[in-house]
């Protein structure tokens, strides 16, 4: 039997003779590089596209915002933060910011509440499940122009369907295009009509991934449907719920199509009653001023606002969903007893 050491006549073991190291072939080196580098190559297209369509426009917008950049004349002199100072002194900017947050609150909060309730209903044992699930997505497929034309007729000031229905109950006609709050409610209704079904299907997909054994155990313990919803469903779909809240926040603060098409002029009303920040950016860049520098400054301000509100919503959603778990309630009771 061959051994790895040599043995002398006196029976003492002698150390092995040094072996020459084996050369690693090119194919072996290539396979090692393939294992190390290929994962990064697989995910590189996403980061390349994100850099070209996300990071580069963001950085270029910041570059444009510090110059006197005209739509026709091109790049002008370096002005620093003068564009930001001009924007903060403009009343229309603050009107647009007020309108944006008002429409955002009137649309996003009811939209998410209705979406999660519809998702819970569609997750139950219903007849013709596919029909109902496809039905909630139909408004999302409709073009924004068609939705705006339909709701523009519904919320017409004189002969609209909404005022006709309210008139049967003795309510005076509402100036949907003339008052601030009614116009915000009308625009928010269009937003809810389009996006509620989309968020419903996302939440429904998350609910279907919840293990059914949890519900069966809850039924055995005597938990009601409402208790199951708050103690099992909400905590289990927390990551998806956070995703929906953040995407709804981004979309709600960037709203443009619905208020732009709410009337035929597209300026947000005669008194800028429903003009949003994105509409104000469009007006600065392509309106009478044609100032890309000021428009870029407003765009960067809007980006920072969305970032701050998104982080706040992320923290609140995570806190609410974690507080809904039984472990969190038990720990809270212990603290109260102490």
C-alpha atoms as a PDB file:
ATOM      1  CA  UNK A   1       0.000   0.000   0.000  1.00  0.00           C
ATOM      2  CA  UNK A   2       1.424   3.320  -1.043  1.00  0.00           C
ATOM      3  CA  UNK A   3       1.984   5.907   1.630  1.00  0.00           C
ATOM      4  CA  UNK A   4       2.567   9.666   1.493  1.00  0.00           C
ATOM      5  CA  UNK A   5       5.827   9.429   3.419  1.00  0.00           C
ATOM      6  CA  UNK A   6       9.066   7.493   2.884  1.00  0.00           C
ATOM      7  CA  UNK A   7      10.381   5.054   5.529  1.00  0.00           C
ATOM      8  CA  UNK A   8      14.116   4.404   6.253  1.00  0.00           C
ATOM      9  CA  UNK A   9      15.719   1.039   7.114  1.00  0.00           C
ATOM     10  CA  UNK A  10      15.770   1.886  10.836  1.00  0.00           C
ATOM     11  CA  UNK A  11      12.028   2.359  10.783  1.00  0.00           C
ATOM     12  CA  UNK A  12      12.072   6.158  11.139  1.00  0.00           C
ATOM     13  CA  UNK A  13       9.632   8.158   8.995  1.00  0.00           C
ATOM     14  CA  UNK A  14      11.231  10.689   6.741  1.00  0.00           C
ATOM     15  CA  UNK A  15       9.463  13.848   5.506  1.00  0.00           C
ATOM     16  CA  UNK A  16       7.904  13.880   2.059  1.00  0.00           C
ATOM     17  CA  UNK A  17       9.843  15.305  -0.809  1.00  0.00           C
ATOM     18  CA  UNK A  18       8.402  18.671  -1.951  1.00  0.00           C
ATOM     19  CA  UNK A  19       5.878  18.349  -4.759  1.00  0.00           C
ATOM     20  CA  UNK A  20       5.803  20.664  -7.689  1.00  0.00           C
ATOM     21  CA  UNK A  21       2.560  22.745  -7.752  1.00  0.00           C
ATOM     22  CA  UNK A  22       0.125  21.883 -10.494  1.00  0.00           C
ATOM     23  CA  UNK A  23      -0.492  24.494 -13.093  1.00  0.00           C
ATOM     24  CA  UNK A  24      -4.042  25.799 -13.359  1.00  0.00           C
ATOM     25  CA  UNK A  25      -5.220  25.591 -16.908  1.00  0.00           C
ATOM     26  CA  UNK A  26      -6.917  28.369 -18.807  1.00  0.00           C
ATOM     27  CA  UNK A  27     -10.249  26.571 -18.764  1.00  0.00           C
ATOM     28  CA  UNK A  28     -10.145  26.312 -14.967  1.00  0.00           C
ATOM     29  CA  UNK A  29      -9.323  29.999 -14.632  1.00  0.00           C
ATOM     30  CA  UNK A  30     -12.156  30.808 -16.996  1.00  0.00           C
ATOM     31  CA  UNK A  31     -14.599  28.729 -14.978  1.00  0.00           C
ATOM     32  CA  UNK A  32     -13.553  30.484 -11.772  1.00  0.00           C
ATOM     33  CA  UNK A  33     -14.010  33.888 -13.372  1.00  0.00           C
ATOM     34  CA  UNK A  34     -17.362  32.738 -14.710  1.00  0.00           C
ATOM     35  CA  UNK A  35     -18.561  31.819 -11.217  1.00  0.00           C
ATOM     36  CA  UNK A  36     -17.386  35.146  -9.765  1.00  0.00           C
ATOM     37  CA  UNK A  37     -18.286  37.562 -12.559  1.00  0.00           C
ATOM     38  CA  UNK A  38     -21.352  36.062 -14.248  1.00  0.00           C
ATOM     39  CA  UNK A  39     -23.848  36.988 -11.462  1.00  0.00           C
ATOM     40  CA  UNK A  40     -22.870  40.636 -11.833  1.00  0.00           C
ATOM     41  CA  UNK A  41     -23.204  40.417 -15.602  1.00  0.00           C
ATOM     42  CA  UNK A  42     -26.711  38.967 -15.272  1.00  0.00           C
ATOM     43  CA  UNK A  43     -27.942  41.886 -13.167  1.00  0.00           C
ATOM     44  CA  UNK A  44     -25.921  44.565 -14.963  1.00  0.00           C
ATOM     45  CA  UNK A  45     -28.594  45.355 -17.637  1.00  0.00           C
ATOM     46  CA  UNK A  46     -30.961  46.584 -14.932  1.00  0.00           C
ATOM     47  CA  UNK A  47     -28.369  48.863 -13.351  1.00  0.00           C
ATOM     48  CA  UNK A  48     -27.232  50.133 -16.747  1.00  0.00           C
ATOM     49  CA  UNK A  49     -30.805  51.026 -17.730  1.00  0.00           C
ATOM     50  CA  UNK A  50     -31.461  52.496 -14.288  1.00  0.00           C
ATOM     51  CA  UNK A  51     -28.351  54.650 -14.621  1.00  0.00           C
ATOM     52  CA  UNK A  52     -29.335  55.847 -18.091  1.00  0.00           C
ATOM     53  CA  UNK A  53     -33.042  56.446 -17.402  1.00  0.00           C
ATOM     54  CA  UNK A  54     -32.933  57.255 -13.681  1.00  0.00           C
ATOM     55  CA  UNK A  55     -29.677  58.534 -12.258  1.00  0.00           C
ATOM     56  CA  UNK A  56     -28.466  60.415 -15.326  1.00  0.00           C
ATOM     57  CA  UNK A  57     -31.689  62.448 -15.817  1.00  0.00           C
ATOM     58  CA  UNK A  58     -31.699  63.214 -12.098  1.00  0.00           C
ATOM     59  CA  UNK A  59     -28.127  64.469 -12.145  1.00  0.00           C
ATOM     60  CA  UNK A  60     -28.642  66.349 -15.421  1.00  0.00           C
ATOM     61  CA  UNK A  61     -31.744  68.044 -14.010  1.00  0.00           C
ATOM     62  CA  UNK A  62     -29.690  69.241 -11.062  1.00  0.00           C
ATOM     63  CA  UNK A  63     -27.112  70.576 -13.524  1.00  0.00           C
ATOM     64  CA  UNK A  64     -29.763  72.430 -15.545  1.00  0.00           C
ATOM     65  CA  UNK A  65     -31.369  73.906 -12.405  1.00  0.00           C
ATOM     66  CA  UNK A  66     -28.324  76.094 -11.653  1.00  0.00           C
ATOM     67  CA  UNK A  67     -28.202  77.674 -15.136  1.00  0.00           C
ATOM     68  CA  UNK A  68     -30.331  80.180 -16.989  1.00  0.00           C
ATOM     69  CA  UNK A  69     -31.435  77.529 -19.467  1.00  0.00           C
ATOM     70  CA  UNK A  70     -33.932  78.594 -22.150  1.00  0.00           C
ATOM     71  CA  UNK A  71     -35.984  76.237 -24.289  1.00  0.00           C
ATOM     72  CA  UNK A  72     -34.929  77.923 -27.542  1.00  0.00           C
ATOM     73  CA  UNK A  73     -31.718  79.686 -26.547  1.00  0.00           C
ATOM     74  CA  UNK A  74     -30.165  76.732 -24.751  1.00  0.00           C
ATOM     75  CA  UNK A  75     -27.700  76.960 -21.877  1.00  0.00           C
ATOM     76  CA  UNK A  76     -27.087  80.424 -20.467  1.00  0.00           C
ATOM     77  CA  UNK A  77     -25.105  81.852 -17.590  1.00  0.00           C
ATOM     78  CA  UNK A  78     -24.537  80.148 -14.284  1.00  0.00           C
ATOM     79  CA  UNK A  79     -27.065  81.535 -11.785  1.00  0.00           C
ATOM     80  CA  UNK A  80     -26.597  79.228  -8.808  1.00  0.00           C
ATOM     81  CA  UNK A  81     -29.707  78.988  -6.646  1.00  0.00           C
ATOM     82  CA  UNK A  82     -31.515  81.933  -8.227  1.00  0.00           C
ATOM     83  CA  UNK A  83     -33.960  79.598  -9.960  1.00  0.00           C
ATOM     84  CA  UNK A  84     -34.895  78.040  -6.628  1.00  0.00           C
ATOM     85  CA  UNK A  85     -35.288  81.475  -5.043  1.00  0.00           C
ATOM     86  CA  UNK A  86     -37.549  82.582  -7.906  1.00  0.00           C
ATOM     87  CA  UNK A  87     -39.703  79.471  -7.599  1.00  0.00           C
ATOM     88  CA  UNK A  88     -40.176  79.849  -3.840  1.00  0.00           C
ATOM     89  CA  UNK A  89     -41.400  83.423  -4.370  1.00  0.00           C
ATOM     90  CA  UNK A  90     -43.994  82.411  -6.975  1.00  0.00           C
ATOM     91  CA  UNK A  91     -47.590  82.084  -5.660  1.00  0.00           C
ATOM     92  CA  UNK A  92     -48.430  79.506  -8.340  1.00  0.00           C
ATOM     93  CA  UNK A  93     -45.796  77.146  -6.955  1.00  0.00           C
ATOM     94  CA  UNK A  94     -47.408  77.155  -3.515  1.00  0.00           C
ATOM     95  CA  UNK A  95     -50.844  76.787  -5.079  1.00  0.00           C
ATOM     96  CA  UNK A  96     -49.615  73.793  -7.039  1.00  0.00           C
ATOM     97  CA  UNK A  97     -48.041  72.291  -3.917  1.00  0.00           C
ATOM     98  CA  UNK A  98     -51.264  72.777  -1.966  1.00  0.00           C
ATOM     99  CA  UNK A  99     -53.361  71.261  -4.746  1.00  0.00           C
ATOM    100  CA  UNK A 100     -50.971  68.329  -5.145  1.00  0.00           C
ATOM    101  CA  UNK A 101     -51.132  67.354  -1.478  1.00  0.00           C
ATOM    102  CA  UNK A 102     -54.888  67.880  -1.340  1.00  0.00           C
ATOM    103  CA  UNK A 103     -55.561  65.651  -4.360  1.00  0.00           C
ATOM    104  CA  UNK A 104     -52.987  63.164  -3.062  1.00  0.00           C
ATOM    105  CA  UNK A 105     -54.745  62.802   0.284  1.00  0.00           C
ATOM    106  CA  UNK A 106     -58.222  62.650  -1.282  1.00  0.00           C
ATOM    107  CA  UNK A 107     -57.153  59.949  -3.719  1.00  0.00           C
ATOM    108  CA  UNK A 108     -54.442  57.797  -2.154  1.00  0.00           C
ATOM    109  CA  UNK A 109     -55.958  57.132   1.286  1.00  0.00           C
ATOM    110  CA  UNK A 110     -59.461  56.082   0.076  1.00  0.00           C
ATOM    111  CA  UNK A 111     -57.894  54.251  -2.859  1.00  0.00           C
ATOM    112  CA  UNK A 112     -55.721  52.021  -0.662  1.00  0.00           C
ATOM    113  CA  UNK A 113     -58.532  51.392   1.823  1.00  0.00           C
ATOM    114  CA  UNK A 114     -60.943  50.319  -0.911  1.00  0.00           C
ATOM    115  CA  UNK A 115     -58.224  48.286  -2.658  1.00  0.00           C
ATOM    116  CA  UNK A 116     -57.381  46.233   0.413  1.00  0.00           C
ATOM    117  CA  UNK A 117     -61.074  45.566   1.124  1.00  0.00           C
ATOM    118  CA  UNK A 118     -61.712  44.507  -2.485  1.00  0.00           C
ATOM    119  CA  UNK A 119     -58.644  42.274  -2.413  1.00  0.00           C
ATOM    120  CA  UNK A 120     -59.926  40.578   0.747  1.00  0.00           C
ATOM    121  CA  UNK A 121     -63.332  40.021  -0.879  1.00  0.00           C
ATOM    122  CA  UNK A 122     -61.791  38.633  -4.061  1.00  0.00           C
ATOM    123  CA  UNK A 123     -59.603  36.329  -1.992  1.00  0.00           C
ATOM    124  CA  UNK A 124     -62.714  34.665  -0.560  1.00  0.00           C
ATOM    125  CA  UNK A 125     -64.570  31.787  -2.179  1.00  0.00           C
ATOM    126  CA  UNK A 126     -66.588  33.552  -4.864  1.00  0.00           C
ATOM    127  CA  UNK A 127     -68.232  32.297  -7.988  1.00  0.00           C
ATOM    128  CA  UNK A 128     -66.657  33.438 -11.255  1.00  0.00           C
ATOM    129  CA  UNK A 129     -63.447  34.575  -9.548  1.00  0.00           C
ATOM    130  CA  UNK A 130     -61.665  35.283 -12.823  1.00  0.00           C
ATOM    131  CA  UNK A 131     -64.507  37.490 -14.039  1.00  0.00           C
ATOM    132  CA  UNK A 132     -64.475  39.680 -10.940  1.00  0.00           C
ATOM    133  CA  UNK A 133     -60.688  39.864 -10.827  1.00  0.00           C
ATOM    134  CA  UNK A 134     -60.481  40.952 -14.441  1.00  0.00           C
ATOM    135  CA  UNK A 135     -63.363  43.349 -13.924  1.00  0.00           C
ATOM    136  CA  UNK A 136     -61.537  45.434 -11.334  1.00  0.00           C
ATOM    137  CA  UNK A 137     -58.666  45.919 -13.788  1.00  0.00           C
ATOM    138  CA  UNK A 138     -60.827  47.294 -16.630  1.00  0.00           C
ATOM    139  CA  UNK A 139     -60.632  50.958 -15.488  1.00  0.00           C
ATOM    140  CA  UNK A 140     -56.841  50.745 -15.488  1.00  0.00           C
ATOM    141  CA  UNK A 141     -56.860  49.681 -19.149  1.00  0.00           C
ATOM    142  CA  UNK A 142     -58.981  52.664 -20.237  1.00  0.00           C
ATOM    143  CA  UNK A 143     -56.957  55.541 -21.659  1.00  0.00           C
ATOM    144  CA  UNK A 144     -56.606  58.608 -19.407  1.00  0.00           C
ATOM    145  CA  UNK A 145     -58.068  60.817 -22.131  1.00  0.00           C
ATOM    146  CA  UNK A 146     -61.252  58.745 -22.241  1.00  0.00           C
ATOM    147  CA  UNK A 147     -61.512  58.733 -18.446  1.00  0.00           C
ATOM    148  CA  UNK A 148     -61.077  62.515 -18.346  1.00  0.00           C
ATOM    149  CA  UNK A 149     -63.743  63.060 -21.017  1.00  0.00           C
ATOM    150  CA  UNK A 150     -66.217  60.836 -19.189  1.00  0.00           C
ATOM    151  CA  UNK A 151     -65.671  62.390 -15.786  1.00  0.00           C
ATOM    152  CA  UNK A 152     -65.539  65.850 -17.314  1.00  0.00           C
ATOM    153  CA  UNK A 153     -69.159  65.311 -18.393  1.00  0.00           C
ATOM    154  CA  UNK A 154     -70.114  63.768 -15.067  1.00  0.00           C
ATOM    155  CA  UNK A 155     -68.718  66.739 -13.126  1.00  0.00           C
ATOM    156  CA  UNK A 156     -69.881  69.439 -15.505  1.00  0.00           C
ATOM    157  CA  UNK A 157     -70.954  72.609 -13.673  1.00  0.00           C
ATOM    158  CA  UNK A 158     -74.328  73.046 -15.328  1.00  0.00           C
ATOM    159  CA  UNK A 159     -75.536  69.823 -16.926  1.00  0.00           C
ATOM    160  CA  UNK A 160     -73.368  67.214 -15.226  1.00  0.00           C
ATOM    161  CA  UNK A 161     -74.640  63.892 -13.969  1.00  0.00           C
ATOM    162  CA  UNK A 162     -73.322  64.535 -10.461  1.00  0.00           C
ATOM    163  CA  UNK A 163     -75.251  67.792 -10.098  1.00  0.00           C
ATOM    164  CA  UNK A 164     -78.363  66.153 -11.552  1.00  0.00           C
ATOM    165  CA  UNK A 165     -78.253  63.428  -8.910  1.00  0.00           C
ATOM    166  CA  UNK A 166     -77.589  65.942  -6.145  1.00  0.00           C
ATOM    167  CA  UNK A 167     -80.471  68.082  -7.450  1.00  0.00           C
ATOM    168  CA  UNK A 168     -82.950  65.271  -6.816  1.00  0.00           C
ATOM    169  CA  UNK A 169     -82.073  65.578  -3.116  1.00  0.00           C
ATOM    170  CA  UNK A 170     -82.465  69.343  -3.130  1.00  0.00           C
ATOM    171  CA  UNK A 171     -78.754  70.149  -3.206  1.00  0.00           C
ATOM    172  CA  UNK A 172     -77.681  73.235  -5.125  1.00  0.00           C
ATOM    173  CA  UNK A 173     -75.398  72.680  -8.165  1.00  0.00           C
ATOM    174  CA  UNK A 174     -71.742  72.472  -7.224  1.00  0.00           C
ATOM    175  CA  UNK A 175     -69.144  74.392  -9.208  1.00  0.00           C
ATOM    176  CA  UNK A 176     -66.816  71.475  -9.839  1.00  0.00           C
ATOM    177  CA  UNK A 177     -64.585  73.568 -12.108  1.00  0.00           C
ATOM    178  CA  UNK A 178     -64.816  76.792 -10.121  1.00  0.00           C
ATOM    179  CA  UNK A 179     -64.170  75.875  -6.492  1.00  0.00           C
ATOM    180  CA  UNK A 180     -61.021  74.435  -4.966  1.00  0.00           C
ATOM    181  CA  UNK A 181     -62.235  71.511  -2.875  1.00  0.00           C
ATOM    182  CA  UNK A 182     -64.914  70.263  -5.319  1.00  0.00           C
ATOM    183  CA  UNK A 183     -62.409  70.278  -8.169  1.00  0.00           C
ATOM    184  CA  UNK A 184     -59.954  68.308  -6.036  1.00  0.00           C
ATOM    185  CA  UNK A 185     -62.662  65.768  -5.217  1.00  0.00           C
ATOM    186  CA  UNK A 186     -63.509  65.394  -8.906  1.00  0.00           C
ATOM    187  CA  UNK A 187     -59.878  64.867  -9.912  1.00  0.00           C
ATOM    188  CA  UNK A 188     -59.359  62.450  -7.013  1.00  0.00           C
ATOM    189  CA  UNK A 189     -62.390  60.478  -8.173  1.00  0.00           C
ATOM    190  CA  UNK A 190     -60.766  60.015 -11.578  1.00  0.00           C
ATOM    191  CA  UNK A 191     -57.544  58.867  -9.960  1.00  0.00           C
ATOM    192  CA  UNK A 192     -59.385  56.390  -7.731  1.00  0.00           C
ATOM    193  CA  UNK A 193     -61.360  55.050 -10.673  1.00  0.00           C
ATOM    194  CA  UNK A 194     -58.190  54.275 -12.626  1.00  0.00           C
ATOM    195  CA  UNK A 195     -55.823  52.965  -9.970  1.00  0.00           C
ATOM    196  CA  UNK A 196     -57.938  51.180  -7.372  1.00  0.00           C
ATOM    197  CA  UNK A 197     -58.185  47.993  -9.437  1.00  0.00           C
ATOM    198  CA  UNK A 198     -54.455  47.961 -10.126  1.00  0.00           C
ATOM    199  CA  UNK A 199     -53.583  48.107  -6.434  1.00  0.00           C
ATOM    200  CA  UNK A 200     -56.311  45.573  -5.677  1.00  0.00           C
ATOM    201  CA  UNK A 201     -54.690  42.916  -7.865  1.00  0.00           C
ATOM    202  CA  UNK A 202     -51.263  43.520  -6.322  1.00  0.00           C
ATOM    203  CA  UNK A 203     -52.671  43.109  -2.815  1.00  0.00           C
ATOM    204  CA  UNK A 204     -54.709  40.097  -3.930  1.00  0.00           C
ATOM    205  CA  UNK A 205     -51.575  38.358  -5.184  1.00  0.00           C
ATOM    206  CA  UNK A 206     -49.961  38.924  -1.789  1.00  0.00           C
ATOM    207  CA  UNK A 207     -53.027  37.584   0.050  1.00  0.00           C
ATOM    208  CA  UNK A 208     -53.044  34.427  -2.021  1.00  0.00           C
ATOM    209  CA  UNK A 209     -49.459  33.738  -0.934  1.00  0.00           C
ATOM    210  CA  UNK A 210     -50.453  33.685   2.753  1.00  0.00           C
ATOM    211  CA  UNK A 211     -50.365  30.064   4.047  1.00  0.00           C
ATOM    212  CA  UNK A 212     -53.896  28.719   4.489  1.00  0.00           C
ATOM    213  CA  UNK A 213     -52.832  26.765   7.564  1.00  0.00           C
ATOM    214  CA  UNK A 214     -52.765  30.049   9.477  1.00  0.00           C
ATOM    215  CA  UNK A 215     -56.434  30.691   8.725  1.00  0.00           C
ATOM    216  CA  UNK A 216     -57.374  27.108   9.562  1.00  0.00           C
ATOM    217  CA  UNK A 217     -55.637  27.385  12.932  1.00  0.00           C
ATOM    218  CA  UNK A 218     -57.371  30.709  13.553  1.00  0.00           C
ATOM    219  CA  UNK A 219     -60.774  29.171  12.787  1.00  0.00           C
ATOM    220  CA  UNK A 220     -60.090  26.356  15.239  1.00  0.00           C
ATOM    221  CA  UNK A 221     -59.185  28.948  17.878  1.00  0.00           C
ATOM    222  CA  UNK A 222     -62.486  30.705  17.216  1.00  0.00           C
ATOM    223  CA  UNK A 223     -61.181  33.837  15.506  1.00  0.00           C
ATOM    224  CA  UNK A 224     -63.687  35.797  13.450  1.00  0.00           C
ATOM    225  CA  UNK A 225     -63.109  36.932   9.860  1.00  0.00           C
ATOM    226  CA  UNK A 226     -62.337  40.450  11.044  1.00  0.00           C
ATOM    227  CA  UNK A 227     -59.834  39.176  13.599  1.00  0.00           C
ATOM    228  CA  UNK A 228     -58.193  36.995  10.944  1.00  0.00           C
ATOM    229  CA  UNK A 229     -57.919  39.972   8.638  1.00  0.00           C
ATOM    230  CA  UNK A 230     -56.122  42.197  11.155  1.00  0.00           C
ATOM    231  CA  UNK A 231     -54.086  39.497  12.906  1.00  0.00           C
ATOM    232  CA  UNK A 232     -53.055  37.337   9.933  1.00  0.00           C
ATOM    233  CA  UNK A 233     -53.655  39.049   6.598  1.00  0.00           C
ATOM    234  CA  UNK A 234     -52.285  42.508   7.344  1.00  0.00           C
ATOM    235  CA  UNK A 235     -49.034  41.333   9.008  1.00  0.00           C
ATOM    236  CA  UNK A 236     -48.417  38.702   6.317  1.00  0.00           C
ATOM    237  CA  UNK A 237     -48.777  41.137   3.408  1.00  0.00           C
ATOM    238  CA  UNK A 238     -46.729  43.891   5.069  1.00  0.00           C
ATOM    239  CA  UNK A 239     -43.955  43.984   2.398  1.00  0.00           C
ATOM    240  CA  UNK A 240     -46.505  44.253  -0.403  1.00  0.00           C
ATOM    241  CA  UNK A 241     -48.498  46.832   1.518  1.00  0.00           C
ATOM    242  CA  UNK A 242     -45.375  48.955   1.969  1.00  0.00           C
ATOM    243  CA  UNK A 243     -44.640  48.641  -1.756  1.00  0.00           C
ATOM    244  CA  UNK A 244     -48.171  49.728  -2.702  1.00  0.00           C
ATOM    245  CA  UNK A 245     -48.077  52.684  -0.301  1.00  0.00           C
ATOM    246  CA  UNK A 246     -44.729  53.918  -1.630  1.00  0.00           C
ATOM    247  CA  UNK A 247     -45.690  53.549  -5.304  1.00  0.00           C
ATOM    248  CA  UNK A 248     -49.034  55.239  -4.659  1.00  0.00           C
ATOM    249  CA  UNK A 249     -47.209  58.076  -2.919  1.00  0.00           C
ATOM    250  CA  UNK A 250     -44.850  58.556  -5.855  1.00  0.00           C
ATOM    251  CA  UNK A 251     -47.674  58.417  -8.381  1.00  0.00           C
ATOM    252  CA  UNK A 252     -49.998  60.632  -6.323  1.00  0.00           C
ATOM    253  CA  UNK A 253     -47.447  63.413  -5.964  1.00  0.00           C
ATOM    254  CA  UNK A 254     -46.552  63.223  -9.674  1.00  0.00           C
ATOM    255  CA  UNK A 255     -50.146  63.385 -10.898  1.00  0.00           C
ATOM    256  CA  UNK A 256     -50.463  65.094 -14.269  1.00  0.00           C
ATOM    257  CA  UNK A 257     -52.877  63.419 -16.723  1.00  0.00           C
ATOM    258  CA  UNK A 258     -56.137  63.747 -14.791  1.00  0.00           C
ATOM    259  CA  UNK A 259     -55.871  67.438 -13.775  1.00  0.00           C
ATOM    260  CA  UNK A 260     -54.391  68.367 -17.145  1.00  0.00           C
ATOM    261  CA  UNK A 261     -57.378  66.899 -18.991  1.00  0.00           C
ATOM    262  CA  UNK A 262     -60.050  67.930 -16.502  1.00  0.00           C
ATOM    263  CA  UNK A 263     -61.010  70.871 -18.717  1.00  0.00           C
ATOM    264  CA  UNK A 264     -60.347  71.893 -22.310  1.00  0.00           C
ATOM    265  CA  UNK A 265     -57.739  74.554 -21.487  1.00  0.00           C
ATOM    266  CA  UNK A 266     -55.453  72.375 -19.390  1.00  0.00           C
ATOM    267  CA  UNK A 267     -54.058  75.087 -17.084  1.00  0.00           C
ATOM    268  CA  UNK A 268     -55.589  73.927 -13.821  1.00  0.00           C
ATOM    269  CA  UNK A 269     -58.566  76.268 -13.850  1.00  0.00           C
ATOM    270  CA  UNK A 270     -58.835  80.050 -14.225  1.00  0.00           C
ATOM    271  CA  UNK A 271     -57.579  80.546 -10.665  1.00  0.00           C
ATOM    272  CA  UNK A 272     -55.275  77.530 -10.753  1.00  0.00           C
ATOM    273  CA  UNK A 273     -57.741  75.684  -8.508  1.00  0.00           C
ATOM    274  CA  UNK A 274     -56.481  72.188  -9.416  1.00  0.00           C
ATOM    275  CA  UNK A 275     -53.062  72.930 -10.926  1.00  0.00           C
ATOM    276  CA  UNK A 276     -50.493  70.441  -9.574  1.00  0.00           C
ATOM    277  CA  UNK A 277     -46.718  70.790  -9.251  1.00  0.00           C
ATOM    278  CA  UNK A 278     -46.100  68.740 -12.382  1.00  0.00           C
ATOM    279  CA  UNK A 279     -48.429  71.001 -14.330  1.00  0.00           C
ATOM    280  CA  UNK A 280     -46.493  73.977 -13.004  1.00  0.00           C
ATOM    281  CA  UNK A 281     -43.251  72.360 -14.208  1.00  0.00           C
ATOM    282  CA  UNK A 282     -44.792  71.951 -17.658  1.00  0.00           C
ATOM    283  CA  UNK A 283     -45.942  75.574 -17.634  1.00  0.00           C
ATOM    284  CA  UNK A 284     -42.466  76.843 -16.722  1.00  0.00           C
ATOM    285  CA  UNK A 285     -40.667  74.721 -19.289  1.00  0.00           C
ATOM    286  CA  UNK A 286     -43.053  74.878 -22.247  1.00  0.00           C
ATOM    287  CA  UNK A 287     -45.322  77.840 -21.403  1.00  0.00           C
ATOM    288  CA  UNK A 288     -44.663  81.523 -21.817  1.00  0.00           C
ATOM    289  CA  UNK A 289     -41.411  81.535 -19.824  1.00  0.00           C
ATOM    290  CA  UNK A 290     -39.819  78.528 -21.576  1.00  0.00           C
ATOM    291  CA  UNK A 291     -37.310  78.336 -18.730  1.00  0.00           C
ATOM    292  CA  UNK A 292     -35.830  74.886 -18.351  1.00  0.00           C
ATOM    293  CA  UNK A 293     -33.711  76.080 -15.439  1.00  0.00           C
ATOM    294  CA  UNK A 294     -36.697  77.048 -13.312  1.00  0.00           C
ATOM    295  CA  UNK A 295     -38.607  73.952 -14.355  1.00  0.00           C
ATOM    296  CA  UNK A 296     -35.634  71.792 -13.351  1.00  0.00           C
ATOM    297  CA  UNK A 297     -35.491  73.571  -9.986  1.00  0.00           C
ATOM    298  CA  UNK A 298     -39.158  72.741  -9.315  1.00  0.00           C
ATOM    299  CA  UNK A 299     -38.539  69.163 -10.428  1.00  0.00           C
ATOM    300  CA  UNK A 300     -35.738  68.779  -7.891  1.00  0.00           C
ATOM    301  CA  UNK A 301     -37.870  70.267  -5.132  1.00  0.00           C
ATOM    302  CA  UNK A 302     -40.625  67.810  -6.004  1.00  0.00           C
ATOM    303  CA  UNK A 303     -38.125  64.950  -5.945  1.00  0.00           C
ATOM    304  CA  UNK A 304     -37.007  65.862  -2.422  1.00  0.00           C
ATOM    305  CA  UNK A 305     -40.626  66.176  -1.267  1.00  0.00           C
ATOM    306  CA  UNK A 306     -41.506  62.759  -2.702  1.00  0.00           C
ATOM    307  CA  UNK A 307     -38.425  61.258  -1.070  1.00  0.00           C
ATOM    308  CA  UNK A 308     -39.350  62.687   2.331  1.00  0.00           C
ATOM    309  CA  UNK A 309     -43.021  61.680   2.110  1.00  0.00           C
ATOM    310  CA  UNK A 310     -42.068  58.211   0.830  1.00  0.00           C
ATOM    311  CA  UNK A 311     -39.740  57.610   3.778  1.00  0.00           C
ATOM    312  CA  UNK A 312     -42.417  58.839   6.185  1.00  0.00           C
ATOM    313  CA  UNK A 313     -45.013  56.513   4.650  1.00  0.00           C
ATOM    314  CA  UNK A 314     -42.548  53.632   4.782  1.00  0.00           C
ATOM    315  CA  UNK A 315     -41.975  54.196   8.495  1.00  0.00           C
ATOM    316  CA  UNK A 316     -45.687  54.581   9.268  1.00  0.00           C
ATOM    317  CA  UNK A 317     -46.710  51.518   7.247  1.00  0.00           C
ATOM    318  CA  UNK A 318     -44.029  49.375   8.820  1.00  0.00           C
ATOM    319  CA  UNK A 319     -45.027  50.584  12.272  1.00  0.00           C
ATOM    320  CA  UNK A 320     -48.742  49.964  11.712  1.00  0.00           C
ATOM    321  CA  UNK A 321     -48.213  46.518  10.209  1.00  0.00           C
ATOM    322  CA  UNK A 322     -45.824  45.458  12.977  1.00  0.00           C
ATOM    323  CA  UNK A 323     -48.214  46.686  15.672  1.00  0.00           C
ATOM    324  CA  UNK A 324     -50.931  44.482  14.185  1.00  0.00           C
ATOM    325  CA  UNK A 325     -49.054  41.256  15.015  1.00  0.00           C
ATOM    326  CA  UNK A 326     -49.995  39.299  18.159  1.00  0.00           C
ATOM    327  CA  UNK A 327     -46.418  39.512  19.480  1.00  0.00           C
ATOM    328  CA  UNK A 328     -46.525  43.304  19.332  1.00  0.00           C
ATOM    329  CA  UNK A 329     -49.830  43.411  21.189  1.00  0.00           C
ATOM    330  CA  UNK A 330     -48.540  41.089  23.897  1.00  0.00           C
ATOM    331  CA  UNK A 331     -45.414  43.190  24.412  1.00  0.00           C
ATOM    332  CA  UNK A 332     -47.573  46.312  24.556  1.00  0.00           C
ATOM    333  CA  UNK A 333     -49.779  44.744  27.234  1.00  0.00           C
ATOM    334  CA  UNK A 334     -46.716  43.800  29.273  1.00  0.00           C
ATOM    335  CA  UNK A 335     -45.462  47.382  29.115  1.00  0.00           C
ATOM    336  CA  UNK A 336     -48.852  48.687  30.238  1.00  0.00           C
ATOM    337  CA  UNK A 337     -48.912  46.264  33.193  1.00  0.00           C
ATOM    338  CA  UNK A 338     -45.429  47.344  34.214  1.00  0.00           C
END
